[in-house]
C-alpha atoms as a PDB file:
ATOM      1  CA  MET A   1      -5.548 -12.241  74.263  1.00  0.00           C
ATOM      2  CA  PRO A   2      -7.851 -12.584  77.316  1.00  0.00           C
ATOM      3  CA  GLU A   3      -7.440 -10.108  80.141  1.00  0.00           C
ATOM      4  CA  THR A   4      -8.346 -10.295  83.804  1.00  0.00           C
ATOM      5  CA  PRO A   5     -12.021  -9.268  84.072  1.00  0.00           C
ATOM      6  CA  PRO A   6     -12.808  -6.057  85.993  1.00  0.00           C
ATOM      7  CA  PHE A   7     -14.700  -7.915  88.755  1.00  0.00           C
ATOM      8  CA  TRP A   8     -11.706 -10.195  89.518  1.00  0.00           C
ATOM      9  CA  PHE A   9     -10.440  -8.224  92.531  1.00  0.00           C
ATOM     10  CA  ASN A  10     -13.849  -6.990  93.729  1.00  0.00           C
ATOM     11  CA  ASP A  11     -15.053  -9.331  96.501  1.00  0.00           C
ATOM     12  CA  GLY A  12     -18.525  -7.784  96.409  1.00  0.00           C
ATOM     13  CA  ALA A  13     -19.176  -8.450  92.721  1.00  0.00           C
ATOM     14  CA  TRP A  14     -21.897 -10.994  91.990  1.00  0.00           C
ATOM     15  CA  GLN A  15     -19.592 -12.744  89.509  1.00  0.00           C
ATOM     16  CA  SER A  16     -17.000 -13.255  92.266  1.00  0.00           C
ATOM     17  CA  LYS A  17     -19.617 -14.747  94.566  1.00  0.00           C
ATOM     18  CA  LEU A  18     -20.886 -17.015  91.801  1.00  0.00           C
ATOM     19  CA  LEU A  19     -17.364 -18.285  91.064  1.00  0.00           C
ATOM     20  CA  ALA A  20     -16.336 -18.669  94.727  1.00  0.00           C
ATOM     21  CA  PRO A  21     -17.438 -22.335  95.045  1.00  0.00           C
ATOM     22  CA  LEU A  22     -15.522 -23.257  91.889  1.00  0.00           C
ATOM     23  CA  SER A  23     -12.511 -21.387  93.213  1.00  0.00           C
ATOM     24  CA  TYR A  24     -12.663 -23.378  96.455  1.00  0.00           C
ATOM     25  CA  ILE A  25     -12.858 -26.682  94.564  1.00  0.00           C
ATOM     26  CA  TYR A  26      -9.997 -25.689  92.244  1.00  0.00           C
ATOM     27  CA  GLY A  27      -7.854 -24.542  95.177  1.00  0.00           C
ATOM     28  CA  THR A  28      -8.529 -27.737  97.142  1.00  0.00           C
ATOM     29  CA  ILE A  29      -7.612 -29.976  94.209  1.00  0.00           C
ATOM     30  CA  SER A  30      -4.490 -27.903  93.478  1.00  0.00           C
ATOM     31  CA  ALA A  31      -3.371 -28.071  97.122  1.00  0.00           C
ATOM     32  CA  ARG A  32      -3.735 -31.855  97.135  1.00  0.00           C
ATOM     33  CA  LEU A  33      -1.774 -32.198  93.912  1.00  0.00           C
ATOM     34  CA  MET A  34       1.003 -29.900  95.171  1.00  0.00           C
ATOM     35  CA  ALA A  35       1.229 -31.872  98.433  1.00  0.00           C
ATOM     36  CA  ARG A  36       2.132 -35.051  96.549  1.00  0.00           C
ATOM     37  CA  PRO A  37       5.784 -36.018  96.444  1.00  0.00           C
ATOM     38  CA  PRO A  38       7.412 -35.042  93.151  1.00  0.00           C
ATOM     39  CA  GLN A  39       7.385 -37.739  90.489  1.00  0.00           C
ATOM     40  CA  TYR A  40      10.598 -36.469  88.949  1.00  0.00           C
ATOM     41  CA  GLY A  41      13.783 -35.323  90.612  1.00  0.00           C
ATOM     42  CA  SER A  42      15.964 -32.971  88.616  1.00  0.00           C
ATOM     43  CA  ARG A  43      19.744 -33.015  88.910  1.00  0.00           C
ATOM     44  CA  ILE A  44      19.810 -29.260  88.375  1.00  0.00           C
ATOM     45  CA  THR A  45      18.293 -26.452  90.405  1.00  0.00           C
ATOM     46  CA  VAL A  46      14.814 -25.536  89.196  1.00  0.00           C
ATOM     47  CA  PHE A  47      12.774 -22.473  90.154  1.00  0.00           C
ATOM     48  CA  CYS A  48       9.095 -22.422  89.298  1.00  0.00           C
ATOM     49  CA  VAL A  49       7.554 -18.961  89.111  1.00  0.00           C
ATOM     50  CA  GLY A  50       3.779 -19.090  88.964  1.00  0.00           C
ATOM     51  CA  ASN A  51       0.516 -18.732  90.855  1.00  0.00           C
ATOM     52  CA  LEU A  52      -3.240 -18.980  90.438  1.00  0.00           C
ATOM     53  CA  ILE A  53      -3.622 -15.460  89.034  1.00  0.00           C
ATOM     54  CA  ALA A  54      -3.728 -15.357  85.241  1.00  0.00           C
ATOM     55  CA  GLY A  55      -1.970 -12.052  84.733  1.00  0.00           C
ATOM     56  CA  GLY A  56      -0.648  -8.972  86.441  1.00  0.00           C
ATOM     57  CA  ALA A  57       0.834 -10.683  89.482  1.00  0.00           C
ATOM     58  CA  GLY A  58       4.465 -10.001  88.552  1.00  0.00           C
ATOM     59  CA  LYS A  59       5.524 -13.470  87.425  1.00  0.00           C
ATOM     60  CA  THR A  60       7.497 -12.250  84.397  1.00  0.00           C
ATOM     61  CA  PRO A  61       9.454  -9.512  86.241  1.00  0.00           C
ATOM     62  CA  THR A  62      10.191 -11.999  89.040  1.00  0.00           C
ATOM     63  CA  ALA A  63      11.510 -14.575  86.565  1.00  0.00           C
ATOM     64  CA  ILE A  64      13.689 -11.921  84.883  1.00  0.00           C
ATOM     65  CA  ALA A  65      15.073 -10.799  88.273  1.00  0.00           C
ATOM     66  CA  LEU A  66      15.923 -14.413  89.191  1.00  0.00           C
ATOM     67  CA  CYS A  67      17.634 -14.816  85.818  1.00  0.00           C
ATOM     68  CA  ASP A  68      19.732 -11.688  86.351  1.00  0.00           C
ATOM     69  CA  LEU A  69      20.681 -12.857  89.853  1.00  0.00           C
ATOM     70  CA  ALA A  70      21.693 -16.280  88.551  1.00  0.00           C
ATOM     71  CA  LYS A  71      23.854 -14.712  85.823  1.00  0.00           C
ATOM     72  CA  LYS A  72      25.586 -12.454  88.368  1.00  0.00           C
ATOM     73  CA  ASN A  73      26.452 -15.574  90.362  1.00  0.00           C
ATOM     74  CA  GLY A  74      28.013 -17.407  87.425  1.00  0.00           C
ATOM     75  CA  PHE A  75      25.081 -19.584  86.385  1.00  0.00           C
ATOM     76  CA  THR A  76      23.645 -20.035  82.897  1.00  0.00           C
ATOM     77  CA  PRO A  77      19.882 -19.846  83.414  1.00  0.00           C
ATOM     78  CA  ALA A  78      17.247 -20.991  80.954  1.00  0.00           C
ATOM     79  CA  PHE A  79      13.478 -20.604  80.875  1.00  0.00           C
ATOM     80  CA  LEU A  80      10.995 -23.353  80.241  1.00  0.00           C
ATOM     81  CA  THR A  81       7.575 -22.151  79.174  1.00  0.00           C
ATOM     82  CA  ARG A  82       4.652 -23.923  77.624  1.00  0.00           C
ATOM     83  CA  GLY A  83       4.546 -21.311  74.874  1.00  0.00           C
ATOM     84  CA  TYR A  84       1.134 -19.844  75.565  1.00  0.00           C
ATOM     85  CA  GLY A  85      -0.002 -17.955  72.488  1.00  0.00           C
ATOM     86  CA  GLY A  86       2.514 -19.553  70.153  1.00  0.00           C
ATOM     87  CA  GLY A  87       1.710 -21.517  67.036  1.00  0.00           C
ATOM     88  CA  LEU A  88       4.452 -24.160  67.205  1.00  0.00           C
ATOM     89  CA  GLN A  89       3.217 -27.494  68.515  1.00  0.00           C
ATOM     90  CA  LYS A  90       6.524 -29.049  69.590  1.00  0.00           C
ATOM     91  CA  ALA A  91       9.282 -28.370  72.086  1.00  0.00           C
ATOM     92  CA  THR A  92      11.447 -25.598  70.654  1.00  0.00           C
ATOM     93  CA  TRP A  93      14.690 -23.931  71.702  1.00  0.00           C
ATOM     94  CA  VAL A  94      13.803 -20.302  70.958  1.00  0.00           C
ATOM     95  CA  ASP A  95      16.179 -18.491  68.641  1.00  0.00           C
ATOM     96  CA  LEU A  96      15.434 -14.768  68.359  1.00  0.00           C
ATOM     97  CA  ASP A  97      16.950 -14.729  64.864  1.00  0.00           C
ATOM     98  CA  ILE A  98      14.308 -17.099  63.462  1.00  0.00           C
ATOM     99  CA  HIS A  99      11.350 -17.123  65.892  1.00  0.00           C
ATOM    100  CA  ASN A 100       8.765 -14.481  66.671  1.00  0.00           C
ATOM    101  CA  ALA A 101       5.851 -14.134  69.110  1.00  0.00           C
ATOM    102  CA  HIS A 102       3.511 -15.758  66.578  1.00  0.00           C
ATOM    103  CA  ASP A 103       5.711 -18.892  66.662  1.00  0.00           C
ATOM    104  CA  VAL A 104       6.474 -19.252  70.365  1.00  0.00           C
ATOM    105  CA  GLY A 105       4.292 -16.730  72.239  1.00  0.00           C
ATOM    106  CA  ASP A 106       5.224 -13.282  73.501  1.00  0.00           C
ATOM    107  CA  GLU A 107       6.698 -14.301  76.859  1.00  0.00           C
ATOM    108  CA  ALA A 108       9.188 -16.698  75.287  1.00  0.00           C
ATOM    109  CA  ILE A 109      10.470 -13.807  73.206  1.00  0.00           C
END
């Protein structure tokens, strides 16, 4: 599985400088897309935990903490993930008795 490259957090690295224009373009397009009104309105409360950093930013621990908080307040939380790293190609309700990380990706497990 790919990891964050060593130069990622080093502003002085030549790779960072080379990628900076692409980063600006990506960030500008993302900001415009996020500023659009939502095309779908859910009838349930939805929390989206994510950011532009590929890994190591604390998304998974944050999602788990929100889940624990929801449970303590009487809610029945669920996670929706795109199944990165999994082999199944369709929407799947993960069952730990029959699925493994190869099927649905490690974070779904």
